[in-house]
Each structure stands twice: as C-alpha cells, then as structure tokens.
C-alpha cells in the first residue's frame, strides 16, 4: 500500500470509531438518537403497578447453622405452582416421586438444578449445607454433602 492509501484508511477508521463512541460521550440522562437530531430524556424504569417488585427478602442470606431434621422432614403438596421454564433433566431421566429420607443420585442435585432464588417460589431458607433443587415439577431440599432428601414440595413447578 502506498502511504496516502494507508493515511486514508487510518482516517476512515478513526472517523468511524469516533462516530461509534459518540453516544457514550452524550450527556447522562439523554438518549443520543432523538427525533430531528434532538436528544431525548431517558427516565429510570418505574416499579410495576399493582404489585411490588420481587426482591431478595432481608435475612434470606442468613441460613440456620443447626437444624432439627424432624422439623424439616415433610412431604408437602404445593398449594401454588410456578412457571419458570422447561426442566432440562440429565440423560436417562424418568420422573420418580422422592420422599424425605431417600438419597437422590448426585447428578440430580448438581448446581445447575439449585434454586438459588428459592424465596421467589415460597420455599423456606435452606439450612447451611442444604440447597433446594428442582426435580421435574417438584422442589426438593437436599443435603448437598450426602444427597439425602430432607423435604419435598410436590408439584411446585408446571
């Protein structure tokens, strides 16, 4: 390439980068692409009307250090169900109804099945060393060291 061609390419590249960065340099609170070349005011999103935004409840991160298994050992039928998307089971999955005291195979309680936002589904705060997992339509509270089922809520998910 000649020196003039290289210079022209560098100028073109520099101009296109400057145009691409222009919106980032605009005043905060304004949208760069307004009608007629004028900037529009951008407002923060409002909370939904009719109900409060769902947020992690205060104290949800405080898990019981010790717990009485007899208090947790229950198999419940869900009074309310939630649509959270399809369940993607491990290969060879078939539905089986688990009960507390049984041991769930490790593949079914891997982190990809943990319900880290358990409070969104009306589930109790899990004790230290336990996690809620989704197993098909059910929510199971599992001891993550052994896989033992501590509590079940049947039919929590559709």
N, C-alpha and C. Protein backbone atom coordinates (compact mmCIF):
# COMPACT_ATOMS: atom_id res chain seq x y z
N UNK A 1 0.84 -1.17 0.00
CA UNK A 1 0.00 0.00 0.00
C UNK A 1 0.89 1.23 0.00
N UNK A 2 0.36 2.23 -0.60
CA UNK A 2 1.08 3.50 -0.60
C UNK A 2 0.80 4.23 0.70
N UNK A 3 1.62 5.23 0.96
CA UNK A 3 1.50 6.00 2.20
C UNK A 3 0.18 6.75 2.24
N UNK A 4 -0.29 7.30 1.10
CA UNK A 4 -1.55 8.06 1.06
C UNK A 4 -2.75 7.13 1.28
N UNK A 5 -2.70 5.90 0.77
CA UNK A 5 -3.78 4.94 0.98
C UNK A 5 -3.86 4.55 2.45
N UNK A 6 -2.71 4.33 3.06
CA UNK A 6 -2.66 3.99 4.48
C UNK A 6 -3.21 5.13 5.32
N UNK A 7 -2.87 6.36 4.98
CA UNK A 7 -3.36 7.52 5.71
C UNK A 7 -4.87 7.63 5.59
N UNK A 8 -5.40 7.43 4.37
CA UNK A 8 -6.85 7.49 4.16
C UNK A 8 -7.57 6.41 4.95
N UNK A 9 -7.02 5.20 4.98
CA UNK A 9 -7.64 4.11 5.74
C UNK A 9 -7.62 4.44 7.24
N UNK A 10 -6.53 4.98 7.73
CA UNK A 10 -6.44 5.34 9.15
C UNK A 10 -7.45 6.43 9.50
N UNK A 11 -7.61 7.42 8.62
CA UNK A 11 -8.59 8.49 8.85
C UNK A 11 -10.02 7.93 8.86
N UNK A 12 -10.31 7.05 7.91
CA UNK A 12 -11.66 6.45 7.83
C UNK A 12 -11.95 5.62 9.08
N UNK A 13 -10.98 4.84 9.51
CA UNK A 13 -11.15 4.02 10.70
C UNK A 13 -11.33 4.90 11.94
N UNK A 14 -10.53 5.94 12.05
CA UNK A 14 -10.64 6.85 13.19
C UNK A 14 -11.98 7.56 13.22
N UNK A 15 -12.50 7.97 12.06
CA UNK A 15 -13.80 8.64 11.99
C UNK A 15 -14.92 7.70 12.39
N UNK A 16 -14.86 6.45 11.91
CA UNK A 16 -15.92 5.50 12.25
C UNK A 16 -15.90 5.17 13.74
N UNK A 17 -14.72 5.07 14.34
CA UNK A 17 -14.64 4.83 15.78
C UNK A 17 -15.18 6.01 16.57
N UNK A 18 -14.91 7.22 16.12
CA UNK A 18 -15.41 8.41 16.80
C UNK A 18 -16.93 8.46 16.73
N UNK A 19 -17.51 8.10 15.58
CA UNK A 19 -18.97 8.09 15.44
C UNK A 19 -19.59 7.01 16.32
N UNK A 20 -18.93 5.87 16.42
CA UNK A 20 -19.46 4.78 17.24
C UNK A 20 -19.40 5.13 18.72
N UNK A 21 -18.41 5.90 19.14
CA UNK A 21 -18.25 6.25 20.55
C UNK A 21 -19.10 7.45 20.95
N UNK A 22 -19.63 8.20 19.98
CA UNK A 22 -20.37 9.43 20.29
C UNK A 22 -21.50 9.23 21.29
N UNK A 23 -22.34 8.18 21.16
CA UNK A 23 -23.42 8.01 22.15
C UNK A 23 -22.90 7.84 23.58
N UNK A 24 -21.75 7.23 23.71
CA UNK A 24 -21.19 7.04 25.06
C UNK A 24 -20.74 8.37 25.65
N UNK A 25 -20.46 9.34 24.79
CA UNK A 25 -19.99 10.64 25.25
C UNK A 25 -21.14 11.62 25.48
N UNK A 26 -22.36 11.21 25.18
CA UNK A 26 -23.52 12.09 25.35
C UNK A 26 -23.76 12.37 26.82
N UNK A 27 -24.53 13.41 27.10
CA UNK A 27 -24.84 13.76 28.48
C UNK A 27 -25.58 12.62 29.17
N UNK A 28 -25.30 12.39 30.44
CA UNK A 28 -26.06 11.36 31.16
C UNK A 28 -27.53 11.76 31.23
N UNK A 29 -28.39 10.78 31.11
CA UNK A 29 -29.83 11.06 31.19
C UNK A 29 -30.44 11.44 29.85
N UNK A 30 -29.66 11.42 28.80
CA UNK A 30 -30.19 11.75 27.48
C UNK A 30 -29.85 10.66 26.50
N UNK A 31 -30.74 10.42 25.58
CA UNK A 31 -30.55 9.43 24.54
C UNK A 31 -29.98 10.15 23.32
N UNK A 32 -28.94 9.65 22.73
CA UNK A 32 -28.28 10.30 21.61
C UNK A 32 -29.16 10.39 20.38
N UNK A 33 -30.02 9.42 20.15
CA UNK A 33 -30.81 9.35 18.92
C UNK A 33 -32.21 9.89 19.11
N UNK A 34 -32.37 11.19 19.24
CA UNK A 34 -33.68 11.80 19.37
C UNK A 34 -34.27 12.13 18.02
N UNK A 35 -35.55 12.48 17.97
CA UNK A 35 -36.20 12.89 16.72
C UNK A 35 -35.65 14.23 16.28
N UNK A 36 -35.41 14.41 14.99
CA UNK A 36 -34.93 15.67 14.47
C UNK A 36 -33.55 16.02 14.98
N UNK A 37 -32.78 15.01 15.42
CA UNK A 37 -31.43 15.26 15.89
C UNK A 37 -31.37 15.77 17.31
N UNK A 38 -32.52 15.91 17.99
CA UNK A 38 -32.50 16.41 19.36
C UNK A 38 -32.43 15.23 20.33
N UNK A 39 -31.78 15.48 21.44
CA UNK A 39 -31.64 14.44 22.46
C UNK A 39 -32.95 14.26 23.22
N UNK A 40 -33.27 13.01 23.57
CA UNK A 40 -34.45 12.70 24.37
C UNK A 40 -34.04 12.43 25.79
N UNK A 41 -34.91 12.75 26.71
CA UNK A 41 -34.66 12.43 28.12
C UNK A 41 -34.97 10.96 28.35
N UNK A 42 -34.09 10.29 29.04
CA UNK A 42 -34.27 8.87 29.36
C UNK A 42 -34.54 8.79 30.86
N UNK A 43 -35.67 8.16 31.21
CA UNK A 43 -36.07 8.06 32.61
C UNK A 43 -35.71 6.70 33.17
N UNK A 44 -35.45 6.62 34.45
CA UNK A 44 -35.24 5.31 35.07
C UNK A 44 -36.55 4.51 35.04
N UNK A 45 -36.43 3.21 34.96
CA UNK A 45 -37.61 2.35 34.91
C UNK A 45 -38.39 2.46 36.22
N UNK A 46 -39.72 2.51 36.10
CA UNK A 46 -40.59 2.56 37.29
C UNK A 46 -40.87 1.16 37.78
N UNK A 47 -41.26 1.09 39.02
CA UNK A 47 -41.68 -0.19 39.60
C UNK A 47 -43.00 -0.60 38.96
N UNK A 48 -43.28 -1.89 38.85
CA UNK A 48 -44.55 -2.34 38.29
C UNK A 48 -45.72 -1.78 39.10
N UNK A 49 -46.82 -1.51 38.43
CA UNK A 49 -48.02 -1.02 39.12
C UNK A 49 -48.85 -2.20 39.59
N UNK A 50 -49.40 -2.09 40.76
CA UNK A 50 -50.29 -3.13 41.27
C UNK A 50 -49.60 -4.15 42.15
N UNK A 51 -48.28 -4.23 42.11
CA UNK A 51 -47.56 -5.14 42.98
C UNK A 51 -46.14 -4.62 43.15
N UNK A 52 -45.49 -5.07 44.21
CA UNK A 52 -44.13 -4.63 44.46
C UNK A 52 -43.15 -5.49 43.68
N UNK A 53 -42.07 -4.87 43.28
CA UNK A 53 -41.01 -5.60 42.58
C UNK A 53 -40.50 -6.71 43.50
N UNK A 54 -40.23 -7.87 42.94
CA UNK A 54 -39.76 -9.00 43.73
C UNK A 54 -38.28 -8.81 44.01
N UNK A 55 -37.92 -8.80 45.27
CA UNK A 55 -36.53 -8.66 45.68
C UNK A 55 -36.20 -9.70 46.73
N UNK A 56 -34.94 -9.96 46.86
CA UNK A 56 -34.48 -10.90 47.88
C UNK A 56 -34.89 -10.35 49.24
N UNK A 57 -35.61 -11.12 50.04
CA UNK A 57 -36.05 -10.62 51.34
C UNK A 57 -34.88 -10.44 52.31
N UNK A 58 -35.03 -9.51 53.21
CA UNK A 58 -34.00 -9.29 54.22
C UNK A 58 -33.82 -10.57 55.03
N UNK A 59 -32.61 -10.96 55.26
CA UNK A 59 -32.31 -12.15 56.04
C UNK A 59 -32.28 -13.44 55.25
N UNK A 60 -32.51 -13.39 53.94
CA UNK A 60 -32.51 -14.61 53.14
C UNK A 60 -31.14 -15.25 53.06
N UNK A 61 -30.09 -14.44 53.26
CA UNK A 61 -28.74 -14.98 53.18
C UNK A 61 -28.30 -15.60 54.51
N UNK A 62 -29.09 -15.41 55.56
CA UNK A 62 -28.77 -15.96 56.88
C UNK A 62 -29.42 -17.34 56.98
N UNK A 63 -28.60 -18.35 56.89
CA UNK A 63 -29.10 -19.71 56.93
C UNK A 63 -28.93 -20.30 58.32
N UNK A 64 -29.88 -21.11 58.75
CA UNK A 64 -29.72 -21.75 60.06
C UNK A 64 -28.45 -22.60 60.09
N UNK A 65 -27.63 -22.42 61.10
CA UNK A 65 -26.39 -23.18 61.25
C UNK A 65 -26.68 -24.62 61.70
N UNK A 66 -27.67 -24.77 62.57
CA UNK A 66 -28.08 -26.08 63.05
C UNK A 66 -29.59 -26.18 62.86
N UNK A 67 -30.05 -27.35 62.59
CA UNK A 67 -31.49 -27.52 62.40
C UNK A 67 -31.92 -28.89 62.85
N UNK A 68 -33.17 -28.97 63.24
CA UNK A 68 -33.78 -30.22 63.68
C UNK A 68 -34.41 -30.88 62.46
N UNK A 69 -33.87 -31.99 62.04
CA UNK A 69 -34.39 -32.67 60.84
C UNK A 69 -35.87 -33.04 60.98
N UNK A 70 -36.31 -33.31 62.18
CA UNK A 70 -37.71 -33.68 62.37
C UNK A 70 -38.65 -32.53 61.98
N UNK A 71 -38.20 -31.31 62.17
CA UNK A 71 -39.00 -30.15 61.78
C UNK A 71 -39.09 -30.06 60.26
N UNK A 72 -38.00 -30.39 59.57
CA UNK A 72 -37.96 -30.29 58.11
C UNK A 72 -38.57 -31.50 57.41
N UNK A 73 -38.48 -32.69 58.02
CA UNK A 73 -38.89 -33.92 57.34
C UNK A 73 -40.39 -33.95 57.06
N UNK A 74 -40.75 -33.44 55.89
CA UNK A 74 -42.13 -33.44 55.43
C UNK A 74 -42.15 -33.57 53.92
N UNK A 75 -43.21 -34.16 53.43
CA UNK A 75 -43.51 -34.19 52.00
C UNK A 75 -44.78 -33.37 51.83
N UNK A 76 -44.68 -32.22 51.18
CA UNK A 76 -45.83 -31.33 51.01
C UNK A 76 -46.38 -31.38 49.59
N UNK A 77 -47.64 -31.12 49.45
CA UNK A 77 -48.26 -30.91 48.15
C UNK A 77 -48.32 -29.40 47.96
N UNK A 78 -47.82 -28.90 46.85
CA UNK A 78 -47.78 -27.46 46.61
C UNK A 78 -49.18 -26.88 46.49
N UNK A 79 -49.41 -25.80 47.21
CA UNK A 79 -50.68 -25.08 47.08
C UNK A 79 -50.61 -24.06 45.97
N UNK A 80 -49.43 -23.70 45.57
CA UNK A 80 -49.24 -22.75 44.49
C UNK A 80 -48.16 -23.29 43.55
N UNK A 81 -48.37 -23.10 42.25
CA UNK A 81 -47.39 -23.56 41.27
C UNK A 81 -46.79 -22.36 40.55
N UNK A 82 -45.61 -22.58 39.95
CA UNK A 82 -44.88 -21.53 39.24
C UNK A 82 -44.44 -22.03 37.87
N UNK A 83 -44.49 -21.13 36.90
CA UNK A 83 -43.96 -21.41 35.56
C UNK A 83 -42.58 -20.78 35.50
N UNK A 84 -41.54 -21.56 35.42
CA UNK A 84 -40.20 -20.97 35.34
C UNK A 84 -39.43 -21.47 34.13
N UNK A 85 -40.08 -22.08 33.21
CA UNK A 85 -39.39 -22.58 32.03
C UNK A 85 -39.27 -24.09 32.10
N UNK A 86 -38.79 -24.65 31.01
CA UNK A 86 -38.70 -26.11 30.94
C UNK A 86 -37.63 -26.67 31.86
N UNK A 87 -37.86 -27.87 32.31
CA UNK A 87 -36.88 -28.61 33.11
C UNK A 87 -36.01 -29.39 32.14
N UNK A 88 -34.71 -29.23 32.23
CA UNK A 88 -33.77 -29.94 31.35
C UNK A 88 -33.08 -31.02 32.18
N UNK A 89 -33.67 -32.21 32.17
CA UNK A 89 -33.14 -33.29 33.02
C UNK A 89 -31.85 -33.87 32.45
N UNK A 90 -31.11 -34.59 33.30
CA UNK A 90 -29.94 -35.31 32.81
C UNK A 90 -30.38 -36.44 31.89
N UNK A 91 -29.46 -36.94 31.10
CA UNK A 91 -29.75 -38.05 30.18
C UNK A 91 -30.25 -39.26 30.97
N UNK A 92 -31.27 -39.92 30.47
CA UNK A 92 -31.82 -41.10 31.11
C UNK A 92 -32.83 -40.80 32.20
N UNK A 93 -33.22 -39.53 32.32
CA UNK A 93 -34.17 -39.12 33.36
C UNK A 93 -35.54 -39.75 33.15
N UNK A 94 -36.14 -40.18 34.22
CA UNK A 94 -37.55 -40.52 34.24
C UNK A 94 -38.07 -40.03 35.58
N UNK A 95 -39.28 -39.56 35.61
CA UNK A 95 -39.81 -38.99 36.84
C UNK A 95 -40.07 -40.06 37.87
N UNK A 96 -39.70 -39.76 39.08
CA UNK A 96 -39.97 -40.63 40.22
C UNK A 96 -40.31 -39.71 41.38
N UNK A 97 -41.24 -40.08 42.18
CA UNK A 97 -41.63 -39.27 43.33
C UNK A 97 -40.72 -39.61 44.51
N UNK A 98 -39.87 -38.64 44.90
CA UNK A 98 -38.96 -38.84 46.01
C UNK A 98 -39.62 -38.43 47.31
N UNK A 99 -39.15 -38.96 48.40
CA UNK A 99 -39.65 -38.61 49.72
C UNK A 99 -38.49 -38.32 50.65
N UNK A 100 -38.77 -37.61 51.76
CA UNK A 100 -37.68 -37.29 52.66
C UNK A 100 -37.07 -38.56 53.21
N UNK A 101 -35.76 -38.48 53.44
CA UNK A 101 -35.01 -39.63 53.94
C UNK A 101 -34.35 -40.44 52.84
N UNK A 102 -34.84 -40.33 51.61
CA UNK A 102 -34.22 -41.05 50.49
C UNK A 102 -32.99 -40.28 50.01
N UNK A 103 -32.14 -40.95 49.24
CA UNK A 103 -30.93 -40.32 48.72
C UNK A 103 -31.06 -40.16 47.21
N UNK A 104 -31.03 -38.91 46.80
CA UNK A 104 -31.15 -38.56 45.38
C UNK A 104 -29.80 -38.78 44.69
N UNK A 105 -29.76 -39.41 43.51
CA UNK A 105 -28.49 -39.58 42.80
C UNK A 105 -27.82 -38.23 42.54
N UNK A 106 -26.52 -38.20 42.64
CA UNK A 106 -25.73 -36.98 42.56
C UNK A 106 -26.04 -36.12 41.34
N UNK A 107 -26.23 -36.70 40.22
CA UNK A 107 -26.45 -35.91 39.00
C UNK A 107 -27.70 -35.02 39.11
N UNK A 108 -28.67 -35.42 39.91
CA UNK A 108 -29.90 -34.65 40.04
C UNK A 108 -29.80 -33.49 41.03
N UNK A 109 -28.72 -33.42 41.79
CA UNK A 109 -28.57 -32.31 42.72
C UNK A 109 -27.30 -31.51 42.47
N UNK A 110 -26.85 -31.52 41.21
CA UNK A 110 -25.72 -30.68 40.83
C UNK A 110 -26.17 -29.21 40.83
N UNK A 111 -25.21 -28.31 40.80
CA UNK A 111 -25.51 -26.89 40.91
C UNK A 111 -26.46 -26.37 39.83
N UNK A 112 -26.48 -26.98 38.68
CA UNK A 112 -27.36 -26.49 37.61
C UNK A 112 -28.84 -26.65 37.96
N UNK A 113 -29.15 -27.48 38.97
CA UNK A 113 -30.54 -27.66 39.40
C UNK A 113 -30.87 -26.91 40.69
N UNK A 114 -29.90 -26.24 41.28
CA UNK A 114 -30.14 -25.49 42.51
C UNK A 114 -31.11 -24.35 42.27
N UNK A 115 -31.99 -24.13 43.21
CA UNK A 115 -32.92 -22.99 43.18
C UNK A 115 -32.36 -21.92 44.12
N UNK A 116 -31.38 -21.18 43.63
CA UNK A 116 -30.72 -20.17 44.45
C UNK A 116 -31.65 -19.04 44.86
N UNK A 117 -32.69 -18.81 44.08
CA UNK A 117 -33.69 -17.78 44.39
C UNK A 117 -34.95 -18.44 44.93
N UNK A 118 -34.76 -19.32 45.90
CA UNK A 118 -35.83 -20.13 46.49
C UNK A 118 -36.98 -19.29 47.04
N UNK A 119 -36.70 -18.09 47.52
CA UNK A 119 -37.74 -17.24 48.10
C UNK A 119 -38.78 -16.83 47.06
N UNK A 120 -38.41 -16.81 45.78
CA UNK A 120 -39.36 -16.48 44.72
C UNK A 120 -40.46 -17.54 44.58
N UNK A 121 -40.19 -18.73 45.07
CA UNK A 121 -41.11 -19.85 44.92
C UNK A 121 -41.74 -20.28 46.24
N UNK A 122 -41.67 -19.42 47.24
CA UNK A 122 -42.30 -19.69 48.52
C UNK A 122 -41.63 -20.81 49.30
N UNK A 123 -40.34 -21.00 49.09
CA UNK A 123 -39.61 -22.06 49.79
C UNK A 123 -38.85 -21.47 50.97
N UNK A 124 -38.69 -22.26 52.01
CA UNK A 124 -38.01 -21.82 53.23
C UNK A 124 -36.52 -21.60 52.97
N UNK A 125 -35.90 -20.82 53.82
CA UNK A 125 -34.44 -20.62 53.77
C UNK A 125 -33.79 -21.96 54.08
N UNK A 126 -32.93 -22.46 53.19
CA UNK A 126 -32.31 -23.76 53.48
C UNK A 126 -31.22 -23.63 54.54
N UNK A 127 -31.08 -24.63 55.39
CA UNK A 127 -30.01 -24.60 56.39
C UNK A 127 -28.64 -24.67 55.71
N UNK A 128 -27.60 -24.34 56.46
CA UNK A 128 -26.24 -24.45 55.95
C UNK A 128 -25.99 -25.90 55.52
N UNK A 129 -25.40 -26.09 54.34
CA UNK A 129 -25.12 -27.43 53.83
C UNK A 129 -26.27 -28.04 53.05
N UNK A 130 -27.34 -27.28 52.86
CA UNK A 130 -28.51 -27.78 52.13
C UNK A 130 -28.86 -26.80 51.01
N UNK A 131 -29.50 -27.29 49.98
CA UNK A 131 -29.96 -26.46 48.87
C UNK A 131 -31.29 -27.00 48.36
N UNK A 132 -32.11 -26.10 47.85
CA UNK A 132 -33.31 -26.51 47.15
C UNK A 132 -32.91 -26.83 45.72
N UNK A 133 -33.41 -27.95 45.19
CA UNK A 133 -33.17 -28.30 43.80
C UNK A 133 -34.51 -28.56 43.12
N UNK A 134 -34.51 -28.36 41.83
CA UNK A 134 -35.71 -28.67 41.05
C UNK A 134 -35.53 -30.07 40.49
N UNK A 135 -36.53 -30.89 40.67
CA UNK A 135 -36.55 -32.24 40.11
C UNK A 135 -37.88 -32.37 39.39
N UNK A 136 -37.87 -32.09 38.08
CA UNK A 136 -39.11 -32.08 37.31
C UNK A 136 -40.05 -31.04 37.89
N UNK A 137 -41.27 -31.42 38.27
CA UNK A 137 -42.22 -30.45 38.82
C UNK A 137 -42.06 -30.21 40.32
N UNK A 138 -41.12 -30.91 40.96
CA UNK A 138 -41.00 -30.85 42.41
C UNK A 138 -39.79 -30.01 42.86
N UNK A 139 -39.88 -29.49 44.09
CA UNK A 139 -38.76 -28.82 44.74
C UNK A 139 -38.32 -29.71 45.89
N UNK A 140 -37.05 -30.05 45.92
CA UNK A 140 -36.51 -30.94 46.95
C UNK A 140 -35.42 -30.21 47.72
N UNK A 141 -35.50 -30.26 49.03
CA UNK A 141 -34.44 -29.73 49.88
C UNK A 141 -33.45 -30.87 50.10
N UNK A 142 -32.21 -30.66 49.68
CA UNK A 142 -31.20 -31.71 49.66
C UNK A 142 -30.02 -31.35 50.55
N UNK A 143 -29.52 -32.34 51.28
CA UNK A 143 -28.25 -32.19 51.98
C UNK A 143 -27.18 -32.34 50.90
N UNK A 144 -26.44 -31.27 50.60
CA UNK A 144 -25.52 -31.31 49.46
C UNK A 144 -24.25 -32.12 49.72
N UNK A 145 -24.07 -32.61 50.93
CA UNK A 145 -22.93 -33.49 51.20
C UNK A 145 -23.28 -34.95 50.90
N UNK A 146 -24.51 -35.33 51.17
CA UNK A 146 -24.88 -36.73 51.01
C UNK A 146 -25.94 -36.98 49.94
N UNK A 147 -26.70 -35.94 49.57
CA UNK A 147 -27.79 -36.12 48.61
C UNK A 147 -29.09 -36.56 49.25
N UNK A 148 -29.10 -36.63 50.59
CA UNK A 148 -30.32 -37.05 51.27
C UNK A 148 -31.40 -35.99 51.12
N UNK A 149 -32.60 -36.44 50.79
CA UNK A 149 -33.75 -35.56 50.66
C UNK A 149 -34.24 -35.23 52.06
N UNK A 150 -34.33 -33.94 52.36
CA UNK A 150 -34.77 -33.50 53.69
C UNK A 150 -36.23 -33.08 53.67
N UNK A 151 -36.66 -32.48 52.57
CA UNK A 151 -38.05 -32.04 52.45
C UNK A 151 -38.43 -32.01 50.98
N UNK A 152 -39.71 -32.23 50.68
CA UNK A 152 -40.19 -32.21 49.30
C UNK A 152 -41.45 -31.36 49.21
N UNK A 153 -41.54 -30.59 48.13
CA UNK A 153 -42.78 -29.89 47.80
C UNK A 153 -43.16 -30.39 46.41
N UNK A 154 -44.16 -31.29 46.38
CA UNK A 154 -44.59 -31.90 45.11
C UNK A 154 -45.40 -30.89 44.28
N UNK A 155 -45.12 -30.86 42.99
CA UNK A 155 -45.91 -30.07 42.06
C UNK A 155 -45.70 -28.56 42.18
N UNK A 156 -44.55 -28.10 42.63
CA UNK A 156 -44.29 -26.67 42.77
C UNK A 156 -44.17 -25.99 41.40
N UNK A 157 -43.70 -26.72 40.39
CA UNK A 157 -43.47 -26.13 39.06
C UNK A 157 -44.31 -26.83 38.00
N UNK A 158 -44.75 -26.02 37.06
CA UNK A 158 -45.50 -26.59 35.93
C UNK A 158 -44.60 -26.79 34.74
